[in-house]
Amino acid sequence: QVQMQESGPGLIKPSQTLSLTCPPSNASITTNYYWWNWIRQSPGLGLEWMGSISRSGGTDYSPTFKNRASLSRNTSKNQFTLQLRSVTPEDTAVYYCVGDSGTNTWEYWGGGTQVIVRS
């Protein structure tokens, strides 16, 4: 079973860059067909897909986040990373890393990490 676990700062100030990391367990980020996603849920809102990165490093972004988000990976550490620039209090949310084995479903979820943007 693929296991996901997000890590991040918890609290960040406006205008800073948020960086979150996810090292999947029991799966390599270079495994065929897998896509690795970042999804968030803001207070009172539904889930927002932010972007994903493929086994080969190709990326896809939601138009909402395309200008501020960057996904990258470190194959030697078997982890992928989200960076979100110029955060505002509206970026306060629970952020999830999610694995998709090529079925186009969000199969493997981390427990989520709470990020609060506050000066």
C-alpha atoms as a PDB file:
ATOM      1  CA  GLN A   1       0.000   0.000   0.000  1.00  0.00           C
ATOM      2  CA  VAL A   2       1.386   3.381  -0.994  1.00  0.00           C
ATOM      3  CA  GLN A   3       1.621   5.733   1.959  1.00  0.00           C
ATOM      4  CA  MET A   4       1.881   9.482   1.736  1.00  0.00           C
ATOM      5  CA  GLN A   5       3.022  11.993   4.333  1.00  0.00           C
ATOM      6  CA  GLU A   6       3.238  15.730   3.890  1.00  0.00           C
ATOM      7  CA  SER A   7       5.694  17.961   5.708  1.00  0.00           C
ATOM      8  CA  GLY A   8       5.708  21.710   5.862  1.00  0.00           C
ATOM      9  CA  PRO A   9       6.144  24.782   8.046  1.00  0.00           C
ATOM     10  CA  GLY A  10       2.715  24.976   9.662  1.00  0.00           C
ATOM     11  CA  LEU A  11       2.815  28.754   9.971  1.00  0.00           C
ATOM     12  CA  ILE A  12       4.059  31.147   7.314  1.00  0.00           C
ATOM     13  CA  LYS A  13       3.908  34.898   6.821  1.00  0.00           C
ATOM     14  CA  PRO A  14       2.224  36.693   3.922  1.00  0.00           C
ATOM     15  CA  SER A  15       4.370  37.223   0.818  1.00  0.00           C
ATOM     16  CA  GLN A  16       6.658  34.317   1.693  1.00  0.00           C
ATOM     17  CA  THR A  17       7.050  31.124  -0.327  1.00  0.00           C
ATOM     18  CA  LEU A  18       5.396  28.002   1.041  1.00  0.00           C
ATOM     19  CA  SER A  19       7.350  24.791   0.526  1.00  0.00           C
ATOM     20  CA  LEU A  20       5.801  21.374   1.167  1.00  0.00           C
ATOM     21  CA  THR A  21       7.426  18.005   0.659  1.00  0.00           C
ATOM     22  CA  CYS A  22       6.030  14.502   0.244  1.00  0.00           C
ATOM     23  CA  PRO A  23       8.092  11.307   0.208  1.00  0.00           C
ATOM     24  CA  PRO A  24       5.840   8.389  -0.790  1.00  0.00           C
ATOM     25  CA  SER A  25       6.446   5.080   0.947  1.00  0.00           C
ATOM     26  CA  ASN A  26       6.161   1.718  -0.825  1.00  0.00           C
ATOM     27  CA  ALA A  27       6.355   3.412  -4.237  1.00  0.00           C
ATOM     28  CA  SER A  28       8.984   5.127  -6.302  1.00  0.00           C
ATOM     29  CA  ILE A  29       8.102   8.520  -7.750  1.00  0.00           C
ATOM     30  CA  THR A  30       9.527   7.231 -11.046  1.00  0.00           C
ATOM     31  CA  THR A  31       7.142   4.273 -11.234  1.00  0.00           C
ATOM     32  CA  ASN A  32       5.417   3.935 -14.586  1.00  0.00           C
ATOM     33  CA  TYR A  33       2.075   5.714 -14.964  1.00  0.00           C
ATOM     34  CA  TYR A  34       2.101   7.357 -11.550  1.00  0.00           C
ATOM     35  CA  TRP A  35       1.191  10.980 -11.093  1.00  0.00           C
ATOM     36  CA  TRP A  36       1.828  12.827  -7.844  1.00  0.00           C
ATOM     37  CA  ASN A  37      -0.564  15.562  -6.879  1.00  0.00           C
ATOM     38  CA  TRP A  38      -1.030  18.434  -4.477  1.00  0.00           C
ATOM     39  CA  ILE A  39      -4.572  19.194  -3.365  1.00  0.00           C
ATOM     40  CA  ARG A  40      -5.743  21.631  -0.729  1.00  0.00           C
ATOM     41  CA  GLN A  41      -8.858  22.369   1.242  1.00  0.00           C
ATOM     42  CA  SER A  42      -9.440  25.856   2.543  1.00  0.00           C
ATOM     43  CA  PRO A  43     -11.786  26.584   5.449  1.00  0.00           C
ATOM     44  CA  GLY A  44     -15.354  26.279   4.270  1.00  0.00           C
ATOM     45  CA  LEU A  45     -14.346  25.301   0.739  1.00  0.00           C
ATOM     46  CA  GLY A  46     -14.066  22.069  -1.176  1.00  0.00           C
ATOM     47  CA  LEU A  47     -10.991  20.347  -2.438  1.00  0.00           C
ATOM     48  CA  GLU A  48      -8.808  22.246  -4.896  1.00  0.00           C
ATOM     49  CA  TRP A  49      -6.424  20.392  -7.143  1.00  0.00           C
ATOM     50  CA  MET A  50      -3.283  22.498  -7.483  1.00  0.00           C
ATOM     51  CA  GLY A  51      -1.032  20.522  -9.752  1.00  0.00           C
ATOM     52  CA  SER A  52       0.719  17.246 -10.416  1.00  0.00           C
ATOM     53  CA  ILE A  53       4.073  15.879 -11.488  1.00  0.00           C
ATOM     54  CA  SER A  54       4.667  12.725 -13.480  1.00  0.00           C
ATOM     55  CA  ARG A  55       7.213   9.947 -13.154  1.00  0.00           C
ATOM     56  CA  SER A  56       9.359  11.694 -15.732  1.00  0.00           C
ATOM     57  CA  GLY A  57       9.095  15.130 -14.141  1.00  0.00           C
ATOM     58  CA  GLY A  58       6.437  16.562 -16.403  1.00  0.00           C
ATOM     59  CA  THR A  59       4.093  18.959 -14.650  1.00  0.00           C
ATOM     60  CA  ASP A  60       0.496  20.057 -14.962  1.00  0.00           C
ATOM     61  CA  TYR A  61      -1.064  22.935 -13.064  1.00  0.00           C
ATOM     62  CA  SER A  62      -4.496  24.210 -12.283  1.00  0.00           C
ATOM     63  CA  PRO A  63      -5.007  27.591 -13.985  1.00  0.00           C
ATOM     64  CA  THR A  64      -5.753  28.968 -10.528  1.00  0.00           C
ATOM     65  CA  PHE A  65      -2.227  28.264  -9.351  1.00  0.00           C
ATOM     66  CA  LYS A  66      -0.217  28.194 -12.550  1.00  0.00           C
ATOM     67  CA  ASN A  67       1.430  31.566 -11.960  1.00  0.00           C
ATOM     68  CA  ARG A  68       2.380  30.917  -8.325  1.00  0.00           C
ATOM     69  CA  ALA A  69       2.965  27.202  -7.942  1.00  0.00           C
ATOM     70  CA  SER A  70       5.941  25.052  -8.865  1.00  0.00           C
ATOM     71  CA  LEU A  71       6.179  21.291  -8.516  1.00  0.00           C
ATOM     72  CA  SER A  72       9.519  19.549  -8.502  1.00  0.00           C
ATOM     73  CA  ARG A  73      10.984  16.222  -7.502  1.00  0.00           C
ATOM     74  CA  ASN A  74      14.127  14.737  -6.039  1.00  0.00           C
ATOM     75  CA  THR A  75      14.562  11.206  -7.282  1.00  0.00           C
ATOM     76  CA  SER A  76      17.505  10.470  -4.997  1.00  0.00           C
ATOM     77  CA  LYS A  77      15.296  11.231  -1.979  1.00  0.00           C
ATOM     78  CA  ASN A  78      12.150   9.826  -3.613  1.00  0.00           C
ATOM     79  CA  GLN A  79      10.137  12.910  -2.828  1.00  0.00           C
ATOM     80  CA  PHE A  80       8.219  15.638  -4.582  1.00  0.00           C
ATOM     81  CA  THR A  81       7.745  19.218  -3.563  1.00  0.00           C
ATOM     82  CA  LEU A  82       5.254  22.026  -3.913  1.00  0.00           C
ATOM     83  CA  GLN A  83       6.348  25.631  -3.767  1.00  0.00           C
ATOM     84  CA  LEU A  84       3.678  28.331  -3.625  1.00  0.00           C
ATOM     85  CA  ARG A  85       4.937  31.881  -3.973  1.00  0.00           C
ATOM     86  CA  SER A  86       3.567  35.105  -2.562  1.00  0.00           C
ATOM     87  CA  VAL A  87       1.177  33.489  -0.129  1.00  0.00           C
ATOM     88  CA  THR A  88      -1.709  35.406   1.400  1.00  0.00           C
ATOM     89  CA  PRO A  89      -4.084  34.543   4.247  1.00  0.00           C
ATOM     90  CA  GLU A  90      -6.372  33.045   1.573  1.00  0.00           C
ATOM     91  CA  ASP A  91      -3.785  30.301   1.145  1.00  0.00           C
ATOM     92  CA  THR A  92      -4.540  29.083   4.656  1.00  0.00           C
ATOM     93  CA  ALA A  93      -5.633  25.485   4.116  1.00  0.00           C
ATOM     94  CA  VAL A  94      -4.951  21.839   4.722  1.00  0.00           C
ATOM     95  CA  TYR A  95      -2.586  20.632   2.013  1.00  0.00           C
ATOM     96  CA  TYR A  96      -2.568  17.028   0.842  1.00  0.00           C
ATOM     97  CA  CYS A  97      -0.168  15.063  -1.289  1.00  0.00           C
ATOM     98  CA  VAL A  98      -1.969  12.427  -3.300  1.00  0.00           C
ATOM     99  CA  GLY A  99      -0.793   9.574  -5.482  1.00  0.00           C
ATOM    100  CA  ASP A 100      -2.481   8.378  -8.660  1.00  0.00           C
ATOM    101  CA  SER A 101      -1.275   5.110 -10.137  1.00  0.00           C
ATOM    102  CA  GLY A 102      -2.538   5.994 -13.577  1.00  0.00           C
ATOM    103  CA  THR A 103      -6.195   5.332 -12.946  1.00  0.00           C
ATOM    104  CA  ASN A 104      -7.067   9.050 -12.985  1.00  0.00           C
ATOM    105  CA  THR A 105      -8.329   8.766  -9.441  1.00  0.00           C
ATOM    106  CA  TRP A 106      -6.833  10.180  -6.289  1.00  0.00           C
ATOM    107  CA  GLU A 107      -6.005   6.881  -4.686  1.00  0.00           C
ATOM    108  CA  TYR A 108      -3.383   7.460  -2.036  1.00  0.00           C
ATOM    109  CA  TRP A 109      -3.812  10.358   0.357  1.00  0.00           C
ATOM    110  CA  GLY A 110      -1.567  11.761   3.005  1.00  0.00           C
ATOM    111  CA  GLY A 111      -3.089  12.843   6.284  1.00  0.00           C
ATOM    112  CA  GLY A 112      -2.807  16.500   5.317  1.00  0.00           C
ATOM    113  CA  THR A 113      -0.754  19.274   6.783  1.00  0.00           C
ATOM    114  CA  GLN A 114      -2.316  22.464   8.105  1.00  0.00           C
ATOM    115  CA  VAL A 115      -0.766  25.647   6.780  1.00  0.00           C
ATOM    116  CA  ILE A 116      -1.703  28.990   8.309  1.00  0.00           C
ATOM    117  CA  VAL A 117      -0.710  32.231   6.638  1.00  0.00           C
ATOM    118  CA  ARG A 118      -0.567  34.986   9.217  1.00  0.00           C
ATOM    119  CA  SER A 119       1.632  37.980   9.849  1.00  0.00           C
END
